[in-house]
Amino acid sequence: MINFVGAGPGAVDLITVRGQKQLSEADIIIYAGSLVNPGLLEYRKESCEIYNSASMTLEEVIEVMVKGEKEGKKIVRLHTGDPSIYGAIREQMDILDTHEMSYKVTPGVSSFIGAASSLKAEFTLPGVTQTVILTRMEGRTPVPEKESISKLASHGATMAIFLTSTMIEELSKRLIEGGYSADSKAAIVYKATWDDEKIIRTTVKNLGEAARENGINKMALIFVGGFLGDKYDRSKLYDPEFTHEFREGIQR
């Protein structure tokens, strides 16, 4: 059995209980060394084989899996955050299907969720936005034209922007082109939940300057939206005048 496991956002104690158990039982761990906290490998048993996929191709990763499976070994493919978000697991699973190999996926806490906890923020504020957009800018890997940053920005929703740390100046321009005002609140979270985490609060216009001043050029998430402000409506769920299945509202 091959287990795709979400490592969580960074802090070693933010992996799930199930994920930690699978690490402790694995005979082989293939981990994304460029992003996953190496401290998570402390959960492994002494005899476990470790492979860092940062220097491996897809074919080389699959080769390790196929060989391990034939030898009856338990294999963990450890991905940063949650494997379903920019985890490139679909291509691995499709190849495993051709080999008729069994696998499971264990979810993890995504980095954008870890960053929200660091920001002490709620992404979906009543009267502000009820939508969260997870996206990235095109670079060496393209994105569909209809999902360009400027088009997504036109919604005015909460935006969590991945894999864009080296293009923040251009990101700032496109967010403004899409409808965000230059002084809209923004935040950069570097290595969310890691020991050396950095949180920079700024504006859309000053995103590039803020990144340069703090030496941010990788492993950062950029957030934009009204959720970073101070104004929002009270939740109806806990409003004393609001009636729902479990409580009768007080009429005034």
Protein backbone atom coordinates (compact mmCIF):
# COMPACT_ATOMS: atom_id res chain seq x y z
CA MET A 1 0.00 0.00 0.00
CA ILE A 2 1.20 3.47 -0.90
CA ASN A 3 0.03 6.36 1.27
CA PHE A 4 0.07 9.92 -0.02
CA VAL A 5 0.31 11.96 3.18
CA GLY A 6 -0.17 15.67 3.74
CA ALA A 7 2.69 16.94 5.91
CA GLY A 8 0.82 20.04 7.03
CA PRO A 9 1.96 23.66 6.67
CA GLY A 10 5.32 23.36 8.38
CA ALA A 11 5.23 22.88 12.14
CA VAL A 12 5.93 19.21 12.86
CA ASP A 13 3.02 18.90 15.29
CA LEU A 14 0.49 20.06 12.68
CA ILE A 15 0.57 16.78 10.75
CA THR A 16 -2.56 14.71 11.36
CA VAL A 17 -2.55 11.85 13.85
CA ARG A 18 -3.13 9.45 10.95
CA GLY A 19 -0.28 10.94 8.96
CA GLN A 20 2.12 10.66 11.88
CA LYS A 21 1.14 7.02 12.39
CA GLN A 22 1.78 6.26 8.73
CA LEU A 23 5.22 7.90 8.91
CA SER A 24 6.11 5.85 11.97
CA GLU A 25 5.14 2.60 10.23
CA ALA A 26 6.66 3.31 6.80
CA ASP A 27 9.47 1.24 5.32
CA ILE A 28 10.05 3.89 2.64
CA ILE A 29 9.41 7.64 2.80
CA ILE A 30 9.64 9.81 -0.31
CA TYR A 31 9.33 13.42 0.80
CA ALA A 32 9.31 16.78 -0.95
CA GLY A 33 12.58 17.99 0.55
CA SER A 34 12.38 21.52 -0.86
CA LEU A 35 9.18 22.24 1.08
CA VAL A 36 8.53 19.67 3.82
CA ASN A 37 9.95 20.32 7.28
CA PRO A 38 12.72 17.69 7.70
CA GLY A 39 11.79 17.49 11.37
CA LEU A 40 8.87 15.31 10.33
CA LEU A 41 11.32 12.54 9.46
CA GLU A 42 11.99 12.15 13.18
CA TYR A 43 8.72 10.19 13.32
CA ARG A 44 10.21 7.43 11.14
CA LYS A 45 11.53 4.12 12.38
CA GLU A 46 15.28 3.51 12.29
CA SER A 47 15.18 1.05 9.38
CA CYS A 48 13.13 3.33 7.11
CA GLU A 49 14.59 4.26 3.70
CA ILE A 50 14.42 8.01 2.92
CA TYR A 51 14.26 9.59 -0.55
CA ASN A 52 14.24 13.33 -1.20
CA SER A 53 12.08 13.93 -4.27
CA ALA A 54 13.45 17.46 -4.79
CA SER A 55 16.18 15.95 -6.97
CA MET A 56 14.04 13.20 -8.52
CA THR A 57 11.90 13.01 -11.64
CA LEU A 58 8.37 11.60 -11.66
CA GLU A 59 9.70 8.42 -13.26
CA GLU A 60 12.31 8.00 -10.53
CA VAL A 61 9.69 8.46 -7.81
CA ILE A 62 7.47 5.83 -9.42
CA GLU A 63 10.42 3.47 -9.78
CA VAL A 64 11.01 3.60 -6.01
CA MET A 65 7.30 3.00 -5.38
CA VAL A 66 7.05 0.05 -7.76
CA LYS A 67 10.17 -1.61 -6.39
CA GLY A 68 9.04 -1.08 -2.79
CA GLU A 69 5.57 -2.42 -3.51
CA LYS A 70 7.01 -5.59 -5.06
CA GLU A 71 9.08 -6.08 -1.92
CA GLY A 72 5.97 -5.76 0.25
CA LYS A 73 7.08 -2.52 1.90
CA LYS A 74 4.87 0.24 3.32
CA ILE A 75 5.48 3.43 1.36
CA VAL A 76 4.67 7.03 2.31
CA ARG A 77 4.80 9.80 -0.28
CA LEU A 78 5.01 12.89 1.94
CA HIS A 79 3.72 16.10 0.37
CA THR A 80 3.73 19.60 1.83
CA GLY A 81 0.45 21.02 3.14
CA ASP A 82 -2.45 19.07 1.69
CA PRO A 83 -1.62 16.86 -1.32
CA SER A 84 -4.68 18.02 -3.26
CA ILE A 85 -3.40 21.61 -3.62
CA TYR A 86 -0.45 21.97 -6.01
CA GLY A 87 0.67 18.52 -4.92
CA ALA A 88 1.05 16.95 -8.40
CA ILE A 89 -0.46 13.71 -7.06
CA ARG A 90 -2.88 13.03 -9.91
CA GLU A 91 -0.06 12.14 -12.33
CA GLN A 92 1.43 9.78 -9.76
CA MET A 93 -1.90 8.07 -9.05
CA ASP A 94 -2.65 7.63 -12.75
CA ILE A 95 0.66 5.84 -13.29
CA LEU A 96 0.09 3.69 -10.20
CA ASP A 97 -3.28 2.72 -11.69
CA THR A 98 -1.53 1.41 -14.79
CA HIS A 99 0.61 -0.78 -12.50
CA GLU A 100 -2.56 -1.88 -10.63
CA MET A 101 -1.05 -0.67 -7.36
CA SER A 102 -3.17 0.32 -4.37
CA TYR A 103 -2.89 3.72 -2.72
CA LYS A 104 -4.67 6.01 -0.29
CA VAL A 105 -4.54 9.73 0.44
CA THR A 106 -4.32 11.22 3.91
CA PRO A 107 -5.24 14.92 3.93
CA GLY A 108 -3.16 17.56 5.62
CA VAL A 109 -3.50 21.12 6.86
CA SER A 110 -2.81 23.34 3.84
CA SER A 111 -0.35 26.20 4.16
CA PHE A 112 -3.11 28.73 3.46
CA ILE A 113 -4.97 27.43 6.53
CA GLY A 114 -1.78 27.54 8.58
CA ALA A 115 -1.24 31.12 7.42
CA ALA A 116 -4.77 32.09 8.48
CA SER A 117 -4.00 30.91 12.00
CA SER A 118 -0.79 32.94 12.01
CA LEU A 119 -2.66 36.01 10.75
CA LYS A 120 -5.43 35.37 13.32
CA ALA A 121 -7.78 35.87 10.41
CA GLU A 122 -11.14 34.59 9.18
CA PHE A 123 -11.28 34.35 5.41
CA THR A 124 -15.08 34.42 5.12
CA LEU A 125 -16.48 37.45 6.92
CA PRO A 126 -20.21 38.30 6.72
CA GLY A 127 -20.75 41.45 4.71
CA VAL A 128 -17.22 41.26 3.27
CA THR A 129 -16.84 38.02 1.32
CA GLN A 130 -17.99 34.43 1.44
CA THR A 131 -15.55 33.17 -1.17
CA VAL A 132 -11.89 32.14 -1.01
CA ILE A 133 -9.88 31.94 -4.24
CA LEU A 134 -6.75 29.75 -4.19
CA THR A 135 -4.59 30.49 -7.21
CA ARG A 136 -1.16 31.27 -8.59
CA MET A 137 0.39 33.43 -11.29
CA GLU A 138 1.61 31.89 -14.49
CA GLY A 139 5.35 31.44 -14.70
CA ARG A 140 7.22 28.57 -16.31
CA THR A 141 4.00 26.64 -15.75
CA PRO A 142 1.03 28.38 -17.42
CA VAL A 143 -2.48 28.85 -16.05
CA PRO A 144 -5.70 28.94 -18.10
CA GLU A 145 -6.26 32.44 -19.55
CA LYS A 146 -9.70 32.68 -17.94
CA GLU A 147 -8.01 32.18 -14.54
CA SER A 148 -5.62 35.12 -14.87
CA ILE A 149 -4.97 37.06 -11.68
CA SER A 150 -6.66 40.20 -13.00
CA LYS A 151 -9.84 38.31 -13.88
CA LEU A 152 -9.98 36.54 -10.52
CA ALA A 153 -9.28 39.82 -8.73
CA SER A 154 -12.42 41.32 -10.27
CA HIS A 155 -14.51 39.30 -7.80
CA GLY A 156 -13.12 41.19 -4.82
CA ALA A 157 -13.07 37.95 -2.83
CA THR A 158 -10.41 36.71 -0.42
CA MET A 159 -7.40 35.61 -2.45
CA ALA A 160 -4.66 33.23 -1.32
CA ILE A 161 -1.92 33.28 -3.94
CA PHE A 162 0.59 30.43 -4.07
CA LEU A 163 3.90 29.98 -5.90
CA THR A 164 4.31 33.64 -6.80
CA SER A 165 7.04 34.86 -4.46
CA THR A 166 9.41 35.69 -7.32
CA MET A 167 6.78 37.70 -9.25
CA ILE A 168 5.29 39.92 -6.56
CA GLU A 169 5.80 43.22 -8.44
CA GLU A 170 3.85 41.88 -11.41
CA LEU A 171 1.25 40.39 -9.09
CA SER A 172 0.65 43.80 -7.54
CA LYS A 173 0.04 45.38 -10.96
CA ARG A 174 -2.40 42.67 -12.01
CA LEU A 175 -4.37 42.83 -8.77
CA ILE A 176 -4.86 46.56 -9.29
CA GLU A 177 -5.77 46.02 -12.95
CA GLY A 178 -8.39 43.53 -11.79
CA GLY A 179 -10.13 45.89 -9.42
CA TYR A 180 -8.35 45.99 -6.08
CA SER A 181 -7.47 49.55 -5.05
CA ALA A 182 -3.79 50.32 -4.55
CA ASP A 183 -4.37 50.74 -0.81
CA SER A 184 -6.29 47.47 -0.39
CA LYS A 185 -4.92 45.49 2.54
CA ALA A 186 -2.56 42.63 1.77
CA ALA A 187 -0.30 40.26 3.69
CA ILE A 188 2.73 38.12 2.96
CA VAL A 189 3.23 35.02 5.11
CA TYR A 190 6.64 33.39 4.77
CA LYS A 191 6.95 29.76 5.93
CA ALA A 192 3.62 29.70 7.76
CA THR A 193 3.83 27.93 11.17
CA TRP A 194 7.59 27.24 10.83
CA ASP A 195 9.90 28.47 13.59
CA ASP A 196 11.27 31.19 11.28
CA GLU A 197 7.86 32.34 10.03
CA LYS A 198 7.50 35.96 8.95
CA ILE A 199 4.27 37.93 8.65
CA ILE A 200 4.30 41.18 6.69
CA ARG A 201 1.17 43.30 6.54
CA THR A 202 1.10 45.80 3.72
CA THR A 203 -1.04 47.05 0.82
CA VAL A 204 -1.49 45.78 -2.71
CA LYS A 205 0.58 48.66 -4.09
CA ASN A 206 3.47 48.00 -1.70
CA LEU A 207 3.61 44.20 -1.97
CA GLY A 208 6.84 44.22 -3.99
CA GLU A 209 8.59 46.71 -1.74
CA ALA A 210 7.54 44.81 1.39
CA ALA A 211 8.86 41.55 -0.05
CA ARG A 212 12.22 43.11 -0.97
CA GLU A 213 12.66 44.77 2.41
CA ASN A 214 12.10 41.43 4.15
CA GLY A 215 14.13 39.31 1.74
CA ILE A 216 11.11 37.26 0.64
CA ASN A 217 11.65 35.36 -2.63
CA LYS A 218 10.34 31.87 -1.89
CA MET A 219 8.06 29.81 0.36
CA ALA A 220 5.58 32.64 0.88
CA LEU A 221 1.85 33.02 0.43
CA ILE A 222 0.27 36.34 -0.53
CA PHE A 223 -3.16 37.28 0.76
CA VAL A 224 -5.43 40.04 -0.45
CA GLY A 225 -8.94 41.07 0.51
CA GLY A 226 -11.30 42.82 2.86
CA PHE A 227 -10.93 40.04 5.42
CA LEU A 228 -7.70 41.77 6.46
CA GLY A 229 -9.64 44.90 7.42
CA ASP A 230 -11.65 45.85 10.49
CA LYS A 231 -15.19 46.09 9.12
CA TYR A 232 -17.62 43.19 8.85
CA ASP A 233 -21.17 42.21 9.83
CA ARG A 234 -22.07 40.11 12.83
CA SER A 235 -22.79 36.44 12.13
CA LYS A 236 -26.51 35.64 11.93
CA LEU A 237 -25.93 32.24 13.50
CA TYR A 238 -25.28 33.76 16.93
CA ASP A 239 -27.55 36.81 16.58
CA PRO A 240 -30.16 36.64 19.38
CA GLU A 241 -32.88 37.76 16.95
CA PHE A 242 -32.10 35.08 14.37
CA THR A 243 -34.18 31.89 14.39
CA HIS A 244 -32.74 28.59 13.22
CA GLU A 245 -33.21 24.86 13.79
CA PHE A 246 -31.72 24.86 17.28
CA ARG A 247 -32.84 28.18 18.70
CA GLU A 248 -35.85 30.51 18.57
CA GLY A 249 -34.85 34.12 17.98
CA ILE A 250 -35.87 36.82 20.44
CA GLN A 251 -38.34 39.25 18.87
CA ARG A 252 -37.84 42.91 19.79
